[in-house]
Amino acid sequence: MQPLTNVAVTAARRAGGVILEYYRRGDTGEVTAKSGRNDFVTEADQRAENTIIDTISRAYPDHAFMAEESGETGESDTVWIIDPIDGTANFMAGIPHFCVSIACQINGVIEHAVIYDPVKDELFTADRGAGASLDGKRIRVTRTTRLRQALLATGFAYRKKQDIATHMPVFNRLLSSSADIRRAGSAALDLAYVAAGRLDGFWEMGLSPWDMAAGLLLVRGAGGIAGDIKDQDPLKTGNVIAANPKLYPQLIEKIERTPQGGS
């Protein structure tokens, strides 16, 4: 494991410890509404993010950060992209499905990734060009070749209810074309599960970089494809599709064929 990844692992585990303190006592701490509908930040989010930034800054004081709660800070070719709790709605409801997501981007390229599920104590890691692992063991995407046999996952832009009419036709088409679809509430874990072969594919639109940066590298490191429907950078468009190489074009084809705004 690379030194930068080791630091990210330490930061993620420390943040996970902070999060579990709140989770185990059924407490989120103070909750603050953000600008968007159904968009909240908890005291646990803020403390976990501060823990991550402090841990990384002690090792690399010149690095920059792009974090969900504190925004962009510092100027450097090395930028840490952080989501302290991906799946905050689950966390607030006491649903044990959320994670810490940390990615290290150097000169615009994601080089290192860590996703840590503190409840299950599962650690997903990836270094560009060196594969992806779960708790130190190599992981691979599934070998499913037919969309009708594929278990997929997605998420809706729950903060923008007006977008549901746009996304539902895609959902309906893929639901009728696949084995089934899950909506678990954490894009980062969905991507990690694709990398680990637990899901065959995932798609979601309107994400932020911290929702998917680490997950993109995990999927790619596990032999999958993670991209955008228009073959652009998902970190810039906010739209991501991830699957093994056989299913990826089938997902693209179904999504592209879906009329916008109707079924």
C-alpha atoms as a PDB file:
ATOM      1  CA  MET A   1       0.000   0.000   0.000  1.00  0.00           C
ATOM      2  CA  GLN A   2       1.299   3.437  -0.941  1.00  0.00           C
ATOM      3  CA  PRO A   3       2.235   5.978   1.793  1.00  0.00           C
ATOM      4  CA  LEU A   4      -0.552   8.341   0.719  1.00  0.00           C
ATOM      5  CA  THR A   5      -3.041   5.492   0.936  1.00  0.00           C
ATOM      6  CA  ASN A   6      -1.746   4.538   4.370  1.00  0.00           C
ATOM      7  CA  VAL A   7      -2.405   8.074   5.615  1.00  0.00           C
ATOM      8  CA  ALA A   8      -5.900   7.989   4.102  1.00  0.00           C
ATOM      9  CA  VAL A   9      -6.579   4.664   5.841  1.00  0.00           C
ATOM     10  CA  THR A  10      -5.503   6.116   9.185  1.00  0.00           C
ATOM     11  CA  ALA A  11      -7.685   9.180   8.611  1.00  0.00           C
ATOM     12  CA  ALA A  12     -10.676   7.079   7.571  1.00  0.00           C
ATOM     13  CA  ARG A  13     -10.422   4.780  10.578  1.00  0.00           C
ATOM     14  CA  ARG A  14     -10.120   7.713  12.967  1.00  0.00           C
ATOM     15  CA  ALA A  15     -13.129   9.384  11.387  1.00  0.00           C
ATOM     16  CA  GLY A  16     -15.000   6.091  11.555  1.00  0.00           C
ATOM     17  CA  GLY A  17     -14.338   5.965  15.274  1.00  0.00           C
ATOM     18  CA  VAL A  18     -15.816   9.441  15.683  1.00  0.00           C
ATOM     19  CA  ILE A  19     -18.889   8.477  13.670  1.00  0.00           C
ATOM     20  CA  LEU A  20     -19.453   5.283  15.656  1.00  0.00           C
ATOM     21  CA  GLU A  21     -19.415   7.220  18.923  1.00  0.00           C
ATOM     22  CA  TYR A  22     -22.521   9.042  17.728  1.00  0.00           C
ATOM     23  CA  TYR A  23     -24.113   6.088  15.962  1.00  0.00           C
ATOM     24  CA  ARG A  24     -23.897   3.677  18.877  1.00  0.00           C
ATOM     25  CA  ARG A  25     -25.633   6.080  21.225  1.00  0.00           C
ATOM     26  CA  GLY A  26     -28.275   6.925  18.623  1.00  0.00           C
ATOM     27  CA  ASP A  27     -27.162  10.525  18.380  1.00  0.00           C
ATOM     28  CA  THR A  28     -26.123  12.655  15.423  1.00  0.00           C
ATOM     29  CA  GLY A  29     -25.198  15.691  17.459  1.00  0.00           C
ATOM     30  CA  GLU A  30     -26.469  19.061  16.311  1.00  0.00           C
ATOM     31  CA  VAL A  31     -28.097  18.948  12.865  1.00  0.00           C
ATOM     32  CA  THR A  32     -27.981  21.948  10.514  1.00  0.00           C
ATOM     33  CA  ALA A  33     -29.995  22.319   7.322  1.00  0.00           C
ATOM     34  CA  LYS A  34     -28.029  23.232   4.211  1.00  0.00           C
ATOM     35  CA  SER A  35     -29.392  25.307   1.341  1.00  0.00           C
ATOM     36  CA  GLY A  36     -31.038  22.439  -0.506  1.00  0.00           C
ATOM     37  CA  ARG A  37     -34.157  20.450   0.364  1.00  0.00           C
ATOM     38  CA  ASN A  38     -33.497  17.300   2.433  1.00  0.00           C
ATOM     39  CA  ASP A  39     -29.834  18.274   2.721  1.00  0.00           C
ATOM     40  CA  PHE A  40     -28.365  18.261   6.215  1.00  0.00           C
ATOM     41  CA  VAL A  41     -25.019  18.324   7.969  1.00  0.00           C
ATOM     42  CA  THR A  42     -24.617  16.727  11.371  1.00  0.00           C
ATOM     43  CA  GLU A  43     -22.147  17.424  14.138  1.00  0.00           C
ATOM     44  CA  ALA A  44     -20.761  13.954  13.401  1.00  0.00           C
ATOM     45  CA  ASP A  45     -20.122  14.947   9.750  1.00  0.00           C
ATOM     46  CA  GLN A  46     -18.181  18.015  10.816  1.00  0.00           C
ATOM     47  CA  ARG A  47     -16.145  16.277  13.500  1.00  0.00           C
ATOM     48  CA  ALA A  48     -15.314  13.382  11.170  1.00  0.00           C
ATOM     49  CA  GLU A  49     -14.240  15.758   8.396  1.00  0.00           C
ATOM     50  CA  ASN A  50     -12.071  17.748  10.781  1.00  0.00           C
ATOM     51  CA  THR A  51     -10.460  14.514  11.948  1.00  0.00           C
ATOM     52  CA  ILE A  52      -9.647  13.499   8.371  1.00  0.00           C
ATOM     53  CA  ILE A  53      -8.201  16.864   7.415  1.00  0.00           C
ATOM     54  CA  ASP A  54      -6.176  17.102  10.615  1.00  0.00           C
ATOM     55  CA  THR A  55      -4.717  13.605  10.147  1.00  0.00           C
ATOM     56  CA  ILE A  56      -3.712  14.216   6.532  1.00  0.00           C
ATOM     57  CA  SER A  57      -2.441  17.753   7.198  1.00  0.00           C
ATOM     58  CA  ARG A  58      -0.105  16.508   9.915  1.00  0.00           C
ATOM     59  CA  ALA A  59       1.549  14.204   7.373  1.00  0.00           C
ATOM     60  CA  TYR A  60       1.248  16.486   4.323  1.00  0.00           C
ATOM     61  CA  PRO A  61       0.813  20.122   5.424  1.00  0.00           C
ATOM     62  CA  ASP A  62       1.115  21.503   1.882  1.00  0.00           C
ATOM     63  CA  HIS A  63      -1.703  19.472   0.355  1.00  0.00           C
ATOM     64  CA  ALA A  64      -5.100  20.916  -0.597  1.00  0.00           C
ATOM     65  CA  PHE A  65      -8.602  19.668   0.208  1.00  0.00           C
ATOM     66  CA  MET A  66     -12.002  19.460  -1.436  1.00  0.00           C
ATOM     67  CA  ALA A  67     -14.385  18.393   1.302  1.00  0.00           C
ATOM     68  CA  GLU A  68     -18.166  18.216   1.409  1.00  0.00           C
ATOM     69  CA  GLU A  69     -18.615  20.328   4.519  1.00  0.00           C
ATOM     70  CA  SER A  70     -15.680  22.778   4.461  1.00  0.00           C
ATOM     71  CA  GLY A  71     -15.301  23.186   0.695  1.00  0.00           C
ATOM     72  CA  GLU A  72     -11.995  23.788  -1.074  1.00  0.00           C
ATOM     73  CA  THR A  73      -8.982  24.843   0.967  1.00  0.00           C
ATOM     74  CA  GLY A  74      -5.321  25.262   0.059  1.00  0.00           C
ATOM     75  CA  GLU A  75      -3.535  25.263  -3.277  1.00  0.00           C
ATOM     76  CA  SER A  76      -1.572  22.231  -4.412  1.00  0.00           C
ATOM     77  CA  ASP A  77      -1.226  19.741  -7.249  1.00  0.00           C
ATOM     78  CA  THR A  78      -2.314  17.159  -4.669  1.00  0.00           C
ATOM     79  CA  VAL A  79      -5.946  17.473  -3.603  1.00  0.00           C
ATOM     80  CA  TRP A  80      -7.760  15.240  -1.128  1.00  0.00           C
ATOM     81  CA  ILE A  81     -11.439  14.772  -2.020  1.00  0.00           C
ATOM     82  CA  ILE A  82     -13.390  13.936   1.130  1.00  0.00           C
ATOM     83  CA  ASP A  83     -16.891  12.882   2.112  1.00  0.00           C
ATOM     84  CA  PRO A  84     -16.861  12.340   5.886  1.00  0.00           C
ATOM     85  CA  ILE A  85     -20.195  10.489   5.885  1.00  0.00           C
ATOM     86  CA  ASP A  86     -21.547   9.356   2.541  1.00  0.00           C
ATOM     87  CA  GLY A  87     -25.068   8.297   3.374  1.00  0.00           C
ATOM     88  CA  THR A  88     -25.860  10.958   5.960  1.00  0.00           C
ATOM     89  CA  ALA A  89     -29.619  10.332   5.650  1.00  0.00           C
ATOM     90  CA  ASN A  90     -29.051   6.667   6.564  1.00  0.00           C
ATOM     91  CA  PHE A  91     -26.803   7.690   9.455  1.00  0.00           C
ATOM     92  CA  MET A  92     -29.400  10.123  10.795  1.00  0.00           C
ATOM     93  CA  ALA A  93     -32.107   7.449  10.607  1.00  0.00           C
ATOM     94  CA  GLY A  94     -29.971   4.823  12.322  1.00  0.00           C
ATOM     95  CA  ILE A  95     -29.656   2.699   9.177  1.00  0.00           C
ATOM     96  CA  PRO A  96     -26.245   0.969   9.217  1.00  0.00           C
ATOM     97  CA  HIS A  97     -25.250   1.787   5.646  1.00  0.00           C
ATOM     98  CA  PHE A  98     -22.862   4.734   5.298  1.00  0.00           C
ATOM     99  CA  CYS A  99     -19.150   5.249   4.902  1.00  0.00           C
ATOM    100  CA  VAL A 100     -16.125   7.519   4.933  1.00  0.00           C
ATOM    101  CA  SER A 101     -14.827   8.287   1.432  1.00  0.00           C
ATOM    102  CA  ILE A 102     -11.352   9.711   0.747  1.00  0.00           C
ATOM    103  CA  ALA A 103      -9.634  10.097  -2.623  1.00  0.00           C
ATOM    104  CA  CYS A 104      -6.247  11.599  -3.445  1.00  0.00           C
ATOM    105  CA  GLN A 105      -6.068  13.439  -6.764  1.00  0.00           C
ATOM    106  CA  ILE A 106      -2.660  14.428  -8.157  1.00  0.00           C
ATOM    107  CA  ASN A 107      -2.452  16.729 -11.177  1.00  0.00           C
ATOM    108  CA  GLY A 108      -6.100  16.053 -11.918  1.00  0.00           C
ATOM    109  CA  VAL A 109      -5.835  12.247 -11.756  1.00  0.00           C
ATOM    110  CA  ILE A 110      -7.241  10.111  -8.929  1.00  0.00           C
ATOM    111  CA  GLU A 111      -4.271   8.107  -7.682  1.00  0.00           C
ATOM    112  CA  HIS A 112      -5.383   6.688  -4.316  1.00  0.00           C
ATOM    113  CA  ALA A 113      -8.740   5.821  -2.778  1.00  0.00           C
ATOM    114  CA  VAL A 114     -10.145   4.643   0.533  1.00  0.00           C
ATOM    115  CA  ILE A 115     -13.745   3.857   1.427  1.00  0.00           C
ATOM    116  CA  TYR A 116     -14.361   2.726   4.992  1.00  0.00           C
ATOM    117  CA  ASP A 117     -17.606   1.322   6.374  1.00  0.00           C
ATOM    118  CA  PRO A 118     -17.232   1.755  10.146  1.00  0.00           C
ATOM    119  CA  VAL A 119     -20.300  -0.304  11.085  1.00  0.00           C
ATOM    120  CA  LYS A 120     -19.174  -3.399   9.175  1.00  0.00           C
ATOM    121  CA  ASP A 121     -15.472  -2.526   9.661  1.00  0.00           C
ATOM    122  CA  GLU A 122     -14.843  -3.020   5.937  1.00  0.00           C
ATOM    123  CA  LEU A 123     -11.961  -1.172   4.303  1.00  0.00           C
ATOM    124  CA  PHE A 124     -11.855  -0.735   0.516  1.00  0.00           C
ATOM    125  CA  THR A 125      -8.601   0.616  -0.947  1.00  0.00           C
ATOM    126  CA  ALA A 126      -7.138   1.263  -4.389  1.00  0.00           C
ATOM    127  CA  ASP A 127      -3.954   2.662  -5.900  1.00  0.00           C
ATOM    128  CA  ARG A 128      -3.988   3.547  -9.587  1.00  0.00           C
ATOM    129  CA  GLY A 129      -2.345   0.794 -11.581  1.00  0.00           C
ATOM    130  CA  ALA A 130      -2.175  -1.547  -8.594  1.00  0.00           C
ATOM    131  CA  GLY A 131      -5.707  -2.914  -8.346  1.00  0.00           C
ATOM    132  CA  ALA A 132      -8.323  -2.666  -5.606  1.00  0.00           C
ATOM    133  CA  SER A 133      -8.705  -4.492  -2.318  1.00  0.00           C
ATOM    134  CA  LEU A 134     -11.173  -5.188   0.475  1.00  0.00           C
ATOM    135  CA  ASP A 135      -9.487  -5.693   3.839  1.00  0.00           C
ATOM    136  CA  GLY A 136      -6.231  -6.418   2.055  1.00  0.00           C
ATOM    137  CA  LYS A 137      -7.612  -9.006  -0.382  1.00  0.00           C
ATOM    138  CA  ARG A 138      -7.868  -8.275  -4.097  1.00  0.00           C
ATOM    139  CA  ILE A 139     -11.362  -7.690  -5.437  1.00  0.00           C
ATOM    140  CA  ARG A 140     -12.787  -7.935  -8.947  1.00  0.00           C
ATOM    141  CA  VAL A 141     -15.981  -6.875 -10.651  1.00  0.00           C
ATOM    142  CA  THR A 142     -18.469  -9.585 -11.578  1.00  0.00           C
ATOM    143  CA  ARG A 143     -18.382 -11.630 -14.775  1.00  0.00           C
ATOM    144  CA  THR A 144     -22.102 -11.219 -15.473  1.00  0.00           C
ATOM    145  CA  THR A 145     -22.541 -10.720 -19.208  1.00  0.00           C
ATOM    146  CA  ARG A 146     -26.289 -10.265 -19.618  1.00  0.00           C
ATOM    147  CA  LEU A 147     -28.164  -7.246 -18.326  1.00  0.00           C
ATOM    148  CA  ARG A 148     -31.250  -9.358 -17.567  1.00  0.00           C
ATOM    149  CA  GLN A 149     -29.165 -11.250 -14.980  1.00  0.00           C
ATOM    150  CA  ALA A 150     -27.588  -8.151 -13.456  1.00  0.00           C
ATOM    151  CA  LEU A 151     -28.239  -6.769  -9.984  1.00  0.00           C
ATOM    152  CA  LEU A 152     -27.953  -2.994 -10.288  1.00  0.00           C
ATOM    153  CA  ALA A 153     -27.975  -0.052  -7.914  1.00  0.00           C
ATOM    154  CA  THR A 154     -28.843   3.600  -8.313  1.00  0.00           C
ATOM    155  CA  GLY A 155     -29.705   6.740  -6.418  1.00  0.00           C
ATOM    156  CA  PHE A 156     -32.065   9.616  -7.081  1.00  0.00           C
ATOM    157  CA  ALA A 157     -31.356  13.284  -6.569  1.00  0.00           C
ATOM    158  CA  TYR A 158     -33.451  13.330  -3.388  1.00  0.00           C
ATOM    159  CA  ARG A 159     -32.506  16.963  -2.774  1.00  0.00           C
ATOM    160  CA  LYS A 160     -34.145  17.977  -6.072  1.00  0.00           C
ATOM    161  CA  LYS A 161     -37.549  16.350  -6.233  1.00  0.00           C
ATOM    162  CA  GLN A 162     -38.295  17.943  -9.585  1.00  0.00           C
ATOM    163  CA  ASP A 163     -35.551  15.809 -11.162  1.00  0.00           C
ATOM    164  CA  ILE A 164     -37.338  12.556 -10.350  1.00  0.00           C
ATOM    165  CA  ALA A 165     -39.530  12.858 -13.461  1.00  0.00           C
ATOM    166  CA  THR A 166     -36.348  12.910 -15.520  1.00  0.00           C
ATOM    167  CA  HIS A 167     -34.762   9.917 -13.794  1.00  0.00           C
ATOM    168  CA  MET A 168     -37.800   7.631 -13.513  1.00  0.00           C
ATOM    169  CA  PRO A 169     -37.951   6.674 -17.205  1.00  0.00           C
ATOM    170  CA  VAL A 170     -34.330   5.461 -16.976  1.00  0.00           C
ATOM    171  CA  PHE A 171     -35.117   3.600 -13.774  1.00  0.00           C
ATOM    172  CA  ASN A 172     -38.191   1.943 -15.288  1.00  0.00           C
ATOM    173  CA  ARG A 173     -36.352   0.844 -18.403  1.00  0.00           C
ATOM    174  CA  LEU A 174     -33.469  -0.673 -16.438  1.00  0.00           C
ATOM    175  CA  LEU A 175     -35.794  -2.264 -13.868  1.00  0.00           C
ATOM    176  CA  SER A 176     -37.600  -4.118 -16.650  1.00  0.00           C
ATOM    177  CA  SER A 177     -34.320  -5.065 -18.327  1.00  0.00           C
ATOM    178  CA  SER A 178     -32.310  -6.286 -15.307  1.00  0.00           C
ATOM    179  CA  ALA A 179     -32.666  -8.834 -12.507  1.00  0.00           C
ATOM    180  CA  ASP A 180     -33.375  -6.111  -9.912  1.00  0.00           C
ATOM    181  CA  ILE A 181     -32.313  -2.688  -8.656  1.00  0.00           C
ATOM    182  CA  ARG A 182     -31.241  -1.510  -5.208  1.00  0.00           C
ATOM    183  CA  ARG A 183     -31.335   2.055  -3.830  1.00  0.00           C
ATOM    184  CA  ALA A 184     -29.348   1.904  -0.616  1.00  0.00           C
ATOM    185  CA  GLY A 185     -28.484   5.571  -0.106  1.00  0.00           C
ATOM    186  CA  SER A 186     -24.691   5.726  -0.452  1.00  0.00           C
ATOM    187  CA  ALA A 187     -23.149   6.209  -3.881  1.00  0.00           C
ATOM    188  CA  ALA A 188     -19.656   5.595  -2.506  1.00  0.00           C
ATOM    189  CA  LEU A 189     -20.632   2.205  -1.079  1.00  0.00           C
ATOM    190  CA  ASP A 190     -22.554   1.326  -4.247  1.00  0.00           C
ATOM    191  CA  LEU A 191     -19.374   1.888  -6.260  1.00  0.00           C
ATOM    192  CA  ALA A 192     -17.313  -0.068  -3.739  1.00  0.00           C
ATOM    193  CA  TYR A 193     -19.826  -2.922  -4.006  1.00  0.00           C
ATOM    194  CA  VAL A 194     -19.517  -2.927  -7.798  1.00  0.00           C
ATOM    195  CA  ALA A 195     -15.744  -3.172  -7.359  1.00  0.00           C
ATOM    196  CA  ALA A 196     -16.155  -6.041  -4.883  1.00  0.00           C
ATOM    197  CA  GLY A 197     -18.549  -7.970  -7.120  1.00  0.00           C
ATOM    198  CA  ARG A 198     -21.547  -7.529  -4.836  1.00  0.00           C
ATOM    199  CA  LEU A 199     -23.366  -5.479  -7.456  1.00  0.00           C
ATOM    200  CA  ASP A 200     -23.115  -5.864 -11.207  1.00  0.00           C
ATOM    201  CA  GLY A 201     -23.591  -2.200 -12.034  1.00  0.00           C
ATOM    202  CA  PHE A 202     -24.464   1.262 -10.772  1.00  0.00           C
ATOM    203  CA  TRP A 203     -25.610   4.555 -12.245  1.00  0.00           C
ATOM    204  CA  GLU A 204     -26.532   7.923 -10.795  1.00  0.00           C
ATOM    205  CA  MET A 205     -26.792  11.477 -12.037  1.00  0.00           C
ATOM    206  CA  GLY A 206     -26.168  14.775 -10.269  1.00  0.00           C
ATOM    207  CA  LEU A 207     -23.472  13.643  -7.853  1.00  0.00           C
ATOM    208  CA  SER A 208     -20.697  15.750  -6.342  1.00  0.00           C
ATOM    209  CA  PRO A 209     -16.999  14.817  -6.712  1.00  0.00           C
ATOM    210  CA  TRP A 210     -16.734  13.661  -3.081  1.00  0.00           C
ATOM    211  CA  ASP A 211     -19.632  11.235  -3.605  1.00  0.00           C
ATOM    212  CA  MET A 212     -17.771   9.225  -6.217  1.00  0.00           C
ATOM    213  CA  ALA A 213     -14.055  10.090  -6.508  1.00  0.00           C
ATOM    214  CA  ALA A 214     -12.817   7.170  -4.407  1.00  0.00           C
ATOM    215  CA  GLY A 215     -15.410   4.794  -5.858  1.00  0.00           C
ATOM    216  CA  LEU A 216     -14.373   5.522  -9.433  1.00  0.00           C
ATOM    217  CA  LEU A 217     -10.823   4.364  -8.755  1.00  0.00           C
ATOM    218  CA  LEU A 218     -12.023   1.288  -6.887  1.00  0.00           C
ATOM    219  CA  VAL A 219     -14.172   0.155  -9.811  1.00  0.00           C
ATOM    220  CA  ARG A 220     -11.401   0.780 -12.319  1.00  0.00           C
ATOM    221  CA  GLY A 221      -8.853  -0.957 -10.125  1.00  0.00           C
ATOM    222  CA  ALA A 222     -11.139  -3.982  -9.875  1.00  0.00           C
ATOM    223  CA  GLY A 223     -11.289  -4.340 -13.653  1.00  0.00           C
ATOM    224  CA  GLY A 224     -14.482  -2.428 -14.271  1.00  0.00           C
ATOM    225  CA  ILE A 225     -15.385   0.713 -16.185  1.00  0.00           C
ATOM    226  CA  ALA A 226     -16.589   3.853 -14.439  1.00  0.00           C
ATOM    227  CA  GLY A 227     -17.431   6.744 -16.720  1.00  0.00           C
ATOM    228  CA  ASP A 228     -20.019   9.210 -17.942  1.00  0.00           C
ATOM    229  CA  ILE A 229     -22.718   8.561 -20.532  1.00  0.00           C
ATOM    230  CA  LYS A 230     -21.170  11.188 -22.832  1.00  0.00           C
ATOM    231  CA  ASP A 231     -17.661   9.750 -22.345  1.00  0.00           C
ATOM    232  CA  GLN A 232     -16.660  12.751 -20.247  1.00  0.00           C
ATOM    233  CA  ASP A 233     -15.107  12.981 -16.779  1.00  0.00           C
ATOM    234  CA  PRO A 234     -17.737  12.008 -14.161  1.00  0.00           C
ATOM    235  CA  LEU A 235     -16.084  14.314 -11.639  1.00  0.00           C
ATOM    236  CA  LYS A 236     -16.947  17.234 -13.924  1.00  0.00           C
ATOM    237  CA  THR A 237     -20.385  16.166 -15.112  1.00  0.00           C
ATOM    238  CA  GLY A 238     -21.644  14.615 -11.869  1.00  0.00           C
ATOM    239  CA  ASN A 239     -23.006  11.639 -13.807  1.00  0.00           C
ATOM    240  CA  VAL A 240     -21.548   8.153 -13.381  1.00  0.00           C
ATOM    241  CA  ILE A 241     -22.130   4.685 -14.789  1.00  0.00           C
ATOM    242  CA  ALA A 242     -20.092   1.761 -13.457  1.00  0.00           C
ATOM    243  CA  ALA A 243     -20.057  -1.922 -14.365  1.00  0.00           C
ATOM    244  CA  ASN A 244     -17.889  -4.706 -15.692  1.00  0.00           C
ATOM    245  CA  PRO A 245     -16.728  -4.303 -19.319  1.00  0.00           C
ATOM    246  CA  LYS A 246     -19.494  -6.556 -20.689  1.00  0.00           C
ATOM    247  CA  LEU A 247     -22.376  -4.809 -18.938  1.00  0.00           C
ATOM    248  CA  TYR A 248     -21.129  -1.236 -19.223  1.00  0.00           C
ATOM    249  CA  PRO A 249     -22.125  -0.718 -22.884  1.00  0.00           C
ATOM    250  CA  GLN A 250     -25.493  -2.363 -22.219  1.00  0.00           C
ATOM    251  CA  LEU A 251     -26.184   0.135 -19.452  1.00  0.00           C
ATOM    252  CA  ILE A 252     -25.135   2.995 -21.702  1.00  0.00           C
ATOM    253  CA  GLU A 253     -27.422   1.765 -24.450  1.00  0.00           C
ATOM    254  CA  LYS A 254     -30.460   1.513 -22.176  1.00  0.00           C
ATOM    255  CA  ILE A 255     -29.898   4.942 -20.636  1.00  0.00           C
ATOM    256  CA  GLU A 256     -29.315   6.619 -24.003  1.00  0.00           C
ATOM    257  CA  ARG A 257     -32.491   5.079 -25.441  1.00  0.00           C
ATOM    258  CA  THR A 258     -34.687   6.411 -22.649  1.00  0.00           C
ATOM    259  CA  PRO A 259     -36.634   9.530 -23.674  1.00  0.00           C
ATOM    260  CA  GLN A 260     -36.122  12.397 -21.250  1.00  0.00           C
ATOM    261  CA  GLY A 261     -39.210  13.386 -19.280  1.00  0.00           C
ATOM    262  CA  GLY A 262     -41.347  10.369 -20.181  1.00  0.00           C
ATOM    263  CA  SER A 263     -41.366   6.598 -20.507  1.00  0.00           C
END
